[in-house]
Amino acid sequence: MTNAIHTKRFQVRAVDIDQSGRLQPVIFMDYLLESASEQAAIFGLAVTDLFAKGRTWVLSRFHVEFLHYPAWGESVEINTWPSDKLPLFALRDFEVKDDQGIAARATSSWLIVDLATRRPIRTSEHLENFPQLNRRAVKDDFASLPAPSREDFRREFPVFFSDLDLNRHVTATVYAHRAMETVPEDVLFGFRPVSIEVNFRAEAFYGDTIVSRAERIEAPENSGETENIRRPTLASFLHRLSRAADDKELTLLQTSWGKIE
């Protein structure tokens, strides 16, 4: 169906860039989620539409492969589409273009959750007439991500009011931001993420404290390769974010870093 693909354009603002003048990876991810929300709203499936039925969207998995980071003032075009519908999960993919070509690709997995019970609802109850394009931008079967086996790096963060979304829990990209804050300084200032994979496990709320732990691992041999485009990966990390009060596992992530512009 031609209307399965939704296109949204952004111009990179000064507040969106890092110290080198390139789009911050977490803001890049925010752009993707904004484009997804816009298409859902067009088809009457925005978070606020589901609220009226006592339900909401919850992001379960997010996998982004970065090929290029646009600079301040440049424009990006995001194409997004529902790529598959499983009994409990709706898959959505993304392709980002800028003046140099493909800047990023991503795939994601979503649940519709009952607000009262916090239990998932079958997709057939809401997505029967939702358009779909059976094409994946990133091949990922969303197998469970491994947790760190040791604690090489650790930081703690309170949940700020500004971290909350419409569901009144910590918004998805905040976890990626808190995870990357544990990465050592030489990596943060010398490299950029070539891939970020996130497995959301539980919710955090205002008043919680999040413990962010990371383990440095050997970069996978195929890390940084998307459709014959190879970007050398020079550092990789496993991340685990948990609630300080009870060590409840909130999110698992894997980040890989390299020299890309």
C-alpha atoms as a PDB file:
ATOM      1  CA  MET A   1       0.000   0.000   0.000  1.00  0.00           C
ATOM      2  CA  THR A   2       1.474   3.378  -0.985  1.00  0.00           C
ATOM      3  CA  ASN A   3       0.198   5.119   2.146  1.00  0.00           C
ATOM      4  CA  ALA A   4       2.052   2.695   4.416  1.00  0.00           C
ATOM      5  CA  ILE A   5       5.130   4.936   4.192  1.00  0.00           C
ATOM      6  CA  HIS A   6       5.048   8.205   6.095  1.00  0.00           C
ATOM      7  CA  THR A   7       7.623  10.928   5.415  1.00  0.00           C
ATOM      8  CA  LYS A   8       8.684  13.583   7.900  1.00  0.00           C
ATOM      9  CA  ARG A   9      11.426  16.182   7.505  1.00  0.00           C
ATOM     10  CA  PHE A  10      13.524  17.844  10.165  1.00  0.00           C
ATOM     11  CA  GLN A  11      16.125  20.598  10.073  1.00  0.00           C
ATOM     12  CA  VAL A  12      18.903  20.074  12.598  1.00  0.00           C
ATOM     13  CA  ARG A  13      18.745  22.902  15.136  1.00  0.00           C
ATOM     14  CA  ALA A  14      21.529  24.322  17.290  1.00  0.00           C
ATOM     15  CA  VAL A  15      19.951  22.710  20.372  1.00  0.00           C
ATOM     16  CA  ASP A  16      20.092  19.276  18.655  1.00  0.00           C
ATOM     17  CA  ILE A  17      23.852  19.075  18.129  1.00  0.00           C
ATOM     18  CA  ASP A  18      26.816  17.901  20.199  1.00  0.00           C
ATOM     19  CA  GLN A  19      30.116  19.665  20.874  1.00  0.00           C
ATOM     20  CA  SER A  20      31.343  18.818  17.362  1.00  0.00           C
ATOM     21  CA  GLY A  21      28.319  20.291  15.591  1.00  0.00           C
ATOM     22  CA  ARG A  22      26.720  16.972  14.634  1.00  0.00           C
ATOM     23  CA  LEU A  23      23.252  15.691  15.536  1.00  0.00           C
ATOM     24  CA  GLN A  24      23.274  14.005  18.945  1.00  0.00           C
ATOM     25  CA  PRO A  25      22.448  10.268  18.713  1.00  0.00           C
ATOM     26  CA  VAL A  26      19.646  10.486  21.285  1.00  0.00           C
ATOM     27  CA  ILE A  27      18.057  13.432  19.444  1.00  0.00           C
ATOM     28  CA  PHE A  28      18.408  11.408  16.232  1.00  0.00           C
ATOM     29  CA  MET A  29      16.359   8.686  17.956  1.00  0.00           C
ATOM     30  CA  ASP A  30      13.821  11.287  19.086  1.00  0.00           C
ATOM     31  CA  TYR A  31      13.345  12.297  15.452  1.00  0.00           C
ATOM     32  CA  LEU A  32      12.512   8.689  14.569  1.00  0.00           C
ATOM     33  CA  LEU A  33       9.985   8.352  17.365  1.00  0.00           C
ATOM     34  CA  GLU A  34       8.383  11.678  16.459  1.00  0.00           C
ATOM     35  CA  SER A  35       7.855  10.470  12.887  1.00  0.00           C
ATOM     36  CA  ALA A  36       6.290   7.253  14.197  1.00  0.00           C
ATOM     37  CA  SER A  37       3.947   9.196  16.476  1.00  0.00           C
ATOM     38  CA  GLU A  38       2.896  11.458  13.622  1.00  0.00           C
ATOM     39  CA  GLN A  39       1.885   8.547  11.394  1.00  0.00           C
ATOM     40  CA  ALA A  40       0.028   6.832  14.244  1.00  0.00           C
ATOM     41  CA  ALA A  41      -1.948  10.044  14.801  1.00  0.00           C
ATOM     42  CA  ILE A  42      -2.897  10.230  11.116  1.00  0.00           C
ATOM     43  CA  PHE A  43      -4.577   6.848  11.447  1.00  0.00           C
ATOM     44  CA  GLY A  44      -6.254   7.627  14.765  1.00  0.00           C
ATOM     45  CA  LEU A  45      -3.816   5.559  16.812  1.00  0.00           C
ATOM     46  CA  ALA A  46      -1.876   8.223  18.688  1.00  0.00           C
ATOM     47  CA  VAL A  47      -1.187   7.697  22.376  1.00  0.00           C
ATOM     48  CA  THR A  48      -4.006  10.116  23.190  1.00  0.00           C
ATOM     49  CA  ASP A  49      -6.400   8.140  20.961  1.00  0.00           C
ATOM     50  CA  LEU A  50      -5.563   4.946  22.842  1.00  0.00           C
ATOM     51  CA  PHE A  51      -5.875   6.727  26.192  1.00  0.00           C
ATOM     52  CA  ALA A  52      -9.575   7.227  25.391  1.00  0.00           C
ATOM     53  CA  LYS A  53      -9.865   3.421  25.263  1.00  0.00           C
ATOM     54  CA  GLY A  54      -7.865   2.837  28.428  1.00  0.00           C
ATOM     55  CA  ARG A  55      -4.775   1.728  26.507  1.00  0.00           C
ATOM     56  CA  THR A  56      -1.416   3.058  25.327  1.00  0.00           C
ATOM     57  CA  TRP A  57       1.629   2.345  23.171  1.00  0.00           C
ATOM     58  CA  VAL A  58       4.787   1.021  24.849  1.00  0.00           C
ATOM     59  CA  LEU A  59       8.086   0.692  22.988  1.00  0.00           C
ATOM     60  CA  SER A  60       9.594  -2.772  23.522  1.00  0.00           C
ATOM     61  CA  ARG A  61      12.679  -2.856  21.256  1.00  0.00           C
ATOM     62  CA  PHE A  62      14.625  -0.244  19.313  1.00  0.00           C
ATOM     63  CA  HIS A  63      17.623  -0.908  17.048  1.00  0.00           C
ATOM     64  CA  VAL A  64      19.245   1.974  15.188  1.00  0.00           C
ATOM     65  CA  GLU A  65      22.171   1.705  12.746  1.00  0.00           C
ATOM     66  CA  PHE A  66      23.899   5.048  12.109  1.00  0.00           C
ATOM     67  CA  LEU A  67      25.788   5.678   8.874  1.00  0.00           C
ATOM     68  CA  HIS A  68      26.171   9.451   9.047  1.00  0.00           C
ATOM     69  CA  TYR A  69      25.385  12.233  11.527  1.00  0.00           C
ATOM     70  CA  PRO A  70      23.905  15.364   9.920  1.00  0.00           C
ATOM     71  CA  ALA A  71      25.353  18.732  10.917  1.00  0.00           C
ATOM     72  CA  TRP A  72      23.697  21.863  12.271  1.00  0.00           C
ATOM     73  CA  GLY A  73      21.435  23.435   9.650  1.00  0.00           C
ATOM     74  CA  GLU A  74      21.220  20.340   7.458  1.00  0.00           C
ATOM     75  CA  SER A  75      17.898  18.664   6.664  1.00  0.00           C
ATOM     76  CA  VAL A  76      16.944  15.034   7.078  1.00  0.00           C
ATOM     77  CA  GLU A  77      14.044  13.083   5.615  1.00  0.00           C
ATOM     78  CA  ILE A  78      12.644  10.172   7.611  1.00  0.00           C
ATOM     79  CA  ASN A  79      10.552   7.491   5.958  1.00  0.00           C
ATOM     80  CA  THR A  80       8.778   5.188   8.383  1.00  0.00           C
ATOM     81  CA  TRP A  81       6.297   2.366   7.945  1.00  0.00           C
ATOM     82  CA  PRO A  82       4.623  -0.485   9.857  1.00  0.00           C
ATOM     83  CA  SER A  83       6.633  -3.522   8.730  1.00  0.00           C
ATOM     84  CA  ASP A  84       4.873  -6.457  10.431  1.00  0.00           C
ATOM     85  CA  LYS A  85       2.034  -7.266  12.802  1.00  0.00           C
ATOM     86  CA  LEU A  86       2.449 -10.122  15.262  1.00  0.00           C
ATOM     87  CA  PRO A  87      -0.174 -11.260  17.803  1.00  0.00           C
ATOM     88  CA  LEU A  88       1.231  -9.002  20.541  1.00  0.00           C
ATOM     89  CA  PHE A  89       3.830  -6.861  18.770  1.00  0.00           C
ATOM     90  CA  ALA A  90       3.663  -4.271  16.015  1.00  0.00           C
ATOM     91  CA  LEU A  91       6.932  -3.754  14.129  1.00  0.00           C
ATOM     92  CA  ARG A  92       7.933  -0.422  12.623  1.00  0.00           C
ATOM     93  CA  ASP A  93      10.956   0.423  10.479  1.00  0.00           C
ATOM     94  CA  PHE A  94      12.721   3.637   9.488  1.00  0.00           C
ATOM     95  CA  GLU A  95      15.068   4.943   6.822  1.00  0.00           C
ATOM     96  CA  VAL A  96      16.727   8.350   7.146  1.00  0.00           C
ATOM     97  CA  LYS A  97      18.180  10.309   4.242  1.00  0.00           C
ATOM     98  CA  ASP A  98      20.225  13.495   4.121  1.00  0.00           C
ATOM     99  CA  ASP A  99      22.251  15.269   1.443  1.00  0.00           C
ATOM    100  CA  GLN A 100      24.865  12.483   1.503  1.00  0.00           C
ATOM    101  CA  GLY A 101      22.381   9.618   1.091  1.00  0.00           C
ATOM    102  CA  ILE A 102      21.293   7.149   3.752  1.00  0.00           C
ATOM    103  CA  ALA A 103      22.104   8.544   7.209  1.00  0.00           C
ATOM    104  CA  ALA A 104      20.487   5.851   9.382  1.00  0.00           C
ATOM    105  CA  ARG A 105      18.242   2.807   9.393  1.00  0.00           C
ATOM    106  CA  ALA A 106      16.198   1.456  12.274  1.00  0.00           C
ATOM    107  CA  THR A 107      13.642  -1.102  13.348  1.00  0.00           C
ATOM    108  CA  SER A 108      11.418  -1.214  16.398  1.00  0.00           C
ATOM    109  CA  SER A 109       8.843  -3.333  18.202  1.00  0.00           C
ATOM    110  CA  TRP A 110       5.793  -1.975  20.041  1.00  0.00           C
ATOM    111  CA  LEU A 111       3.116  -3.223  22.416  1.00  0.00           C
ATOM    112  CA  ILE A 112      -0.380  -1.930  23.078  1.00  0.00           C
ATOM    113  CA  VAL A 113      -0.873  -2.101  26.844  1.00  0.00           C
ATOM    114  CA  ASP A 114      -3.968  -1.884  29.027  1.00  0.00           C
ATOM    115  CA  LEU A 115      -3.528   1.103  31.351  1.00  0.00           C
ATOM    116  CA  ALA A 116      -5.277  -0.554  34.287  1.00  0.00           C
ATOM    117  CA  THR A 117      -3.626  -3.973  34.188  1.00  0.00           C
ATOM    118  CA  ARG A 118      -0.356  -2.992  32.409  1.00  0.00           C
ATOM    119  CA  ARG A 119      -0.793  -6.153  30.361  1.00  0.00           C
ATOM    120  CA  PRO A 120      -0.396  -6.292  26.550  1.00  0.00           C
ATOM    121  CA  ILE A 121      -3.419  -6.307  24.234  1.00  0.00           C
ATOM    122  CA  ARG A 122      -3.585  -8.294  21.001  1.00  0.00           C
ATOM    123  CA  THR A 123      -2.769  -6.112  18.023  1.00  0.00           C
ATOM    124  CA  SER A 124      -5.815  -7.357  16.120  1.00  0.00           C
ATOM    125  CA  GLU A 125      -8.016  -5.281  18.452  1.00  0.00           C
ATOM    126  CA  HIS A 126      -6.580  -1.989  17.135  1.00  0.00           C
ATOM    127  CA  LEU A 127      -4.483  -2.555  14.023  1.00  0.00           C
ATOM    128  CA  GLU A 128      -6.796  -4.502  11.720  1.00  0.00           C
ATOM    129  CA  ASN A 129      -6.959  -1.714   9.124  1.00  0.00           C
ATOM    130  CA  PHE A 130      -3.523  -0.189   9.705  1.00  0.00           C
ATOM    131  CA  PRO A 131      -1.429  -0.076   6.488  1.00  0.00           C
ATOM    132  CA  GLN A 132       1.684  -2.219   6.305  1.00  0.00           C
ATOM    133  CA  LEU A 133       4.767  -2.588   4.109  1.00  0.00           C
ATOM    134  CA  ASN A 134       6.525  -5.926   4.531  1.00  0.00           C
ATOM    135  CA  ARG A 135      10.068  -4.579   4.334  1.00  0.00           C
ATOM    136  CA  ARG A 136      12.629  -4.378   7.123  1.00  0.00           C
ATOM    137  CA  ALA A 137      15.194  -1.586   7.154  1.00  0.00           C
ATOM    138  CA  VAL A 138      17.305  -3.523   9.675  1.00  0.00           C
ATOM    139  CA  LYS A 139      17.119  -7.292   9.960  1.00  0.00           C
ATOM    140  CA  ASP A 140      16.591  -8.126  13.626  1.00  0.00           C
ATOM    141  CA  ASP A 141      14.513 -10.894  15.170  1.00  0.00           C
ATOM    142  CA  PHE A 142      14.771  -9.124  18.539  1.00  0.00           C
ATOM    143  CA  ALA A 143      16.423 -11.929  20.466  1.00  0.00           C
ATOM    144  CA  SER A 144      17.093 -10.988  24.080  1.00  0.00           C
ATOM    145  CA  LEU A 145      20.075  -8.727  24.615  1.00  0.00           C
ATOM    146  CA  PRO A 146      22.741  -9.991  27.038  1.00  0.00           C
ATOM    147  CA  ALA A 147      23.228  -8.267  30.378  1.00  0.00           C
ATOM    148  CA  PRO A 148      26.679  -7.138  31.505  1.00  0.00           C
ATOM    149  CA  SER A 149      28.594  -9.894  33.304  1.00  0.00           C
ATOM    150  CA  ARG A 150      30.676  -7.392  35.252  1.00  0.00           C
ATOM    151  CA  GLU A 151      30.516  -3.729  36.221  1.00  0.00           C
ATOM    152  CA  ASP A 152      33.259  -1.765  34.450  1.00  0.00           C
ATOM    153  CA  PHE A 153      31.438   1.567  34.711  1.00  0.00           C
ATOM    154  CA  ARG A 154      28.590   2.807  36.894  1.00  0.00           C
ATOM    155  CA  ARG A 155      26.601   6.000  37.406  1.00  0.00           C
ATOM    156  CA  GLU A 156      23.360   6.861  39.190  1.00  0.00           C
ATOM    157  CA  PHE A 157      20.705   9.321  38.026  1.00  0.00           C
ATOM    158  CA  PRO A 158      17.494  10.595  39.641  1.00  0.00           C
ATOM    159  CA  VAL A 159      14.399  10.559  37.447  1.00  0.00           C
ATOM    160  CA  PHE A 160      13.664  14.184  36.673  1.00  0.00           C
ATOM    161  CA  PHE A 161      10.209  15.564  35.931  1.00  0.00           C
ATOM    162  CA  SER A 162      11.471  16.423  32.441  1.00  0.00           C
ATOM    163  CA  ASP A 163      12.241  12.718  31.819  1.00  0.00           C
ATOM    164  CA  LEU A 164       8.543  11.777  31.802  1.00  0.00           C
ATOM    165  CA  ASP A 165       6.298  11.278  28.764  1.00  0.00           C
ATOM    166  CA  LEU A 166       2.522  11.135  28.292  1.00  0.00           C
ATOM    167  CA  ASN A 167       2.453   7.757  30.057  1.00  0.00           C
ATOM    168  CA  ARG A 168       4.066   9.467  33.089  1.00  0.00           C
ATOM    169  CA  HIS A 169       7.001   7.095  33.000  1.00  0.00           C
ATOM    170  CA  VAL A 170      10.556   7.691  31.800  1.00  0.00           C
ATOM    171  CA  THR A 171      10.511   8.239  28.052  1.00  0.00           C
ATOM    172  CA  ALA A 172      12.328   5.759  25.842  1.00  0.00           C
ATOM    173  CA  THR A 173      15.329   7.761  24.709  1.00  0.00           C
ATOM    174  CA  VAL A 174      16.209   8.841  28.255  1.00  0.00           C
ATOM    175  CA  TYR A 175      17.409   5.274  28.900  1.00  0.00           C
ATOM    176  CA  ALA A 176      19.782   5.476  25.940  1.00  0.00           C
ATOM    177  CA  HIS A 177      21.079   8.804  27.197  1.00  0.00           C
ATOM    178  CA  ARG A 178      21.677   7.461  30.722  1.00  0.00           C
ATOM    179  CA  ALA A 179      23.386   4.369  29.304  1.00  0.00           C
ATOM    180  CA  MET A 180      25.792   6.369  27.155  1.00  0.00           C
ATOM    181  CA  GLU A 181      26.754   8.544  30.130  1.00  0.00           C
ATOM    182  CA  THR A 182      28.625   5.530  31.532  1.00  0.00           C
ATOM    183  CA  VAL A 183      30.829   5.247  28.432  1.00  0.00           C
ATOM    184  CA  PRO A 184      34.409   6.407  29.167  1.00  0.00           C
ATOM    185  CA  GLU A 185      35.436   9.902  28.145  1.00  0.00           C
ATOM    186  CA  ASP A 186      37.914   8.851  25.455  1.00  0.00           C
ATOM    187  CA  VAL A 187      35.125   7.011  23.610  1.00  0.00           C
ATOM    188  CA  LEU A 188      32.541   9.771  24.078  1.00  0.00           C
ATOM    189  CA  PHE A 189      34.844  12.439  22.666  1.00  0.00           C
ATOM    190  CA  GLY A 190      36.634  10.292  20.084  1.00  0.00           C
ATOM    191  CA  PHE A 191      33.847   8.199  18.526  1.00  0.00           C
ATOM    192  CA  ARG A 192      30.123   8.169  17.777  1.00  0.00           C
ATOM    193  CA  PRO A 193      27.617   5.327  18.055  1.00  0.00           C
ATOM    194  CA  VAL A 194      27.395   3.206  14.903  1.00  0.00           C
ATOM    195  CA  SER A 195      24.581   1.180  16.467  1.00  0.00           C
ATOM    196  CA  ILE A 196      22.318   1.325  19.503  1.00  0.00           C
ATOM    197  CA  GLU A 197      20.101  -1.605  20.473  1.00  0.00           C
ATOM    198  CA  VAL A 198      17.610  -1.244  23.319  1.00  0.00           C
ATOM    199  CA  ASN A 199      15.489  -3.835  25.104  1.00  0.00           C
ATOM    200  CA  PHE A 200      12.935  -2.156  27.364  1.00  0.00           C
ATOM    201  CA  ARG A 201      12.036  -4.353  30.339  1.00  0.00           C
ATOM    202  CA  ALA A 202      10.152  -2.300  32.941  1.00  0.00           C
ATOM    203  CA  GLU A 203       9.051   1.227  33.792  1.00  0.00           C
ATOM    204  CA  ALA A 204      10.701   3.914  35.906  1.00  0.00           C
ATOM    205  CA  PHE A 205       8.783   6.800  37.440  1.00  0.00           C
ATOM    206  CA  TYR A 206       9.302  10.204  39.007  1.00  0.00           C
ATOM    207  CA  GLY A 207      11.139   9.819  42.317  1.00  0.00           C
ATOM    208  CA  ASP A 208      13.044   6.701  41.249  1.00  0.00           C
ATOM    209  CA  THR A 209      16.816   6.583  40.982  1.00  0.00           C
ATOM    210  CA  ILE A 210      18.263   4.753  37.982  1.00  0.00           C
ATOM    211  CA  VAL A 211      21.532   2.843  38.250  1.00  0.00           C
ATOM    212  CA  SER A 212      23.361   2.649  34.913  1.00  0.00           C
ATOM    213  CA  ARG A 213      26.024  -0.069  34.637  1.00  0.00           C
ATOM    214  CA  ALA A 214      28.197  -0.954  31.636  1.00  0.00           C
ATOM    215  CA  GLU A 215      30.687  -3.603  30.588  1.00  0.00           C
ATOM    216  CA  ARG A 216      33.172  -3.035  27.786  1.00  0.00           C
ATOM    217  CA  ILE A 217      33.146  -5.990  25.378  1.00  0.00           C
ATOM    218  CA  GLU A 218      34.915  -7.012  22.212  1.00  0.00           C
ATOM    219  CA  ALA A 219      33.174  -5.548  19.174  1.00  0.00           C
ATOM    220  CA  PRO A 220      31.223  -8.200  17.224  1.00  0.00           C
ATOM    221  CA  GLU A 221      32.741  -9.080  13.856  1.00  0.00           C
ATOM    222  CA  ASN A 222      29.637  -7.999  11.940  1.00  0.00           C
ATOM    223  CA  SER A 223      29.030  -4.886  14.027  1.00  0.00           C
ATOM    224  CA  GLY A 224      28.734  -1.737  11.957  1.00  0.00           C
ATOM    225  CA  GLU A 225      27.715  -3.499   8.738  1.00  0.00           C
ATOM    226  CA  THR A 226      24.399  -2.706   7.090  1.00  0.00           C
ATOM    227  CA  GLU A 227      23.720  -3.835   3.506  1.00  0.00           C
ATOM    228  CA  ASN A 228      27.414  -3.981   2.534  1.00  0.00           C
ATOM    229  CA  ILE A 229      28.205  -0.618   4.139  1.00  0.00           C
ATOM    230  CA  ARG A 230      30.978  -1.259   6.654  1.00  0.00           C
ATOM    231  CA  ARG A 231      31.838   1.200   9.376  1.00  0.00           C
ATOM    232  CA  PRO A 232      34.705   0.044  11.620  1.00  0.00           C
ATOM    233  CA  THR A 233      33.567  -0.502  15.188  1.00  0.00           C
ATOM    234  CA  LEU A 234      36.250   0.400  17.699  1.00  0.00           C
ATOM    235  CA  ALA A 235      34.406  -0.007  21.017  1.00  0.00           C
ATOM    236  CA  SER A 236      31.317  -1.866  22.231  1.00  0.00           C
ATOM    237  CA  PHE A 237      29.456  -1.958  25.537  1.00  0.00           C
ATOM    238  CA  LEU A 238      26.691  -3.895  27.246  1.00  0.00           C
ATOM    239  CA  HIS A 239      24.489  -1.751  29.470  1.00  0.00           C
ATOM    240  CA  ARG A 240      22.021  -2.542  32.241  1.00  0.00           C
ATOM    241  CA  LEU A 241      19.786   0.095  33.775  1.00  0.00           C
ATOM    242  CA  SER A 242      17.981  -0.790  36.986  1.00  0.00           C
ATOM    243  CA  ARG A 243      15.973   0.856  39.753  1.00  0.00           C
ATOM    244  CA  ALA A 244      18.189   1.610  42.732  1.00  0.00           C
ATOM    245  CA  ALA A 245      15.570   0.764  45.352  1.00  0.00           C
ATOM    246  CA  ASP A 246      15.133  -2.911  44.379  1.00  0.00           C
ATOM    247  CA  ASP A 247      17.537  -3.532  41.441  1.00  0.00           C
ATOM    248  CA  LYS A 248      14.545  -4.063  39.145  1.00  0.00           C
ATOM    249  CA  GLU A 249      15.888  -4.402  35.607  1.00  0.00           C
ATOM    250  CA  LEU A 250      14.546  -1.547  33.490  1.00  0.00           C
ATOM    251  CA  THR A 251      16.492  -1.693  30.228  1.00  0.00           C
ATOM    252  CA  LEU A 252      19.261  -3.637  28.519  1.00  0.00           C
ATOM    253  CA  LEU A 253      21.279  -2.023  25.748  1.00  0.00           C
ATOM    254  CA  GLN A 254      24.208  -2.704  23.478  1.00  0.00           C
ATOM    255  CA  THR A 255      26.103   0.206  21.956  1.00  0.00           C
ATOM    256  CA  SER A 256      28.884   0.077  19.368  1.00  0.00           C
ATOM    257  CA  TRP A 257      31.116   3.050  18.584  1.00  0.00           C
ATOM    258  CA  GLY A 258      33.360   4.077  15.710  1.00  0.00           C
ATOM    259  CA  LYS A 259      34.836   6.927  13.698  1.00  0.00           C
ATOM    260  CA  ILE A 260      31.948   8.216  11.589  1.00  0.00           C
ATOM    261  CA  GLU A 261      30.887  11.720  10.625  1.00  0.00           C
END
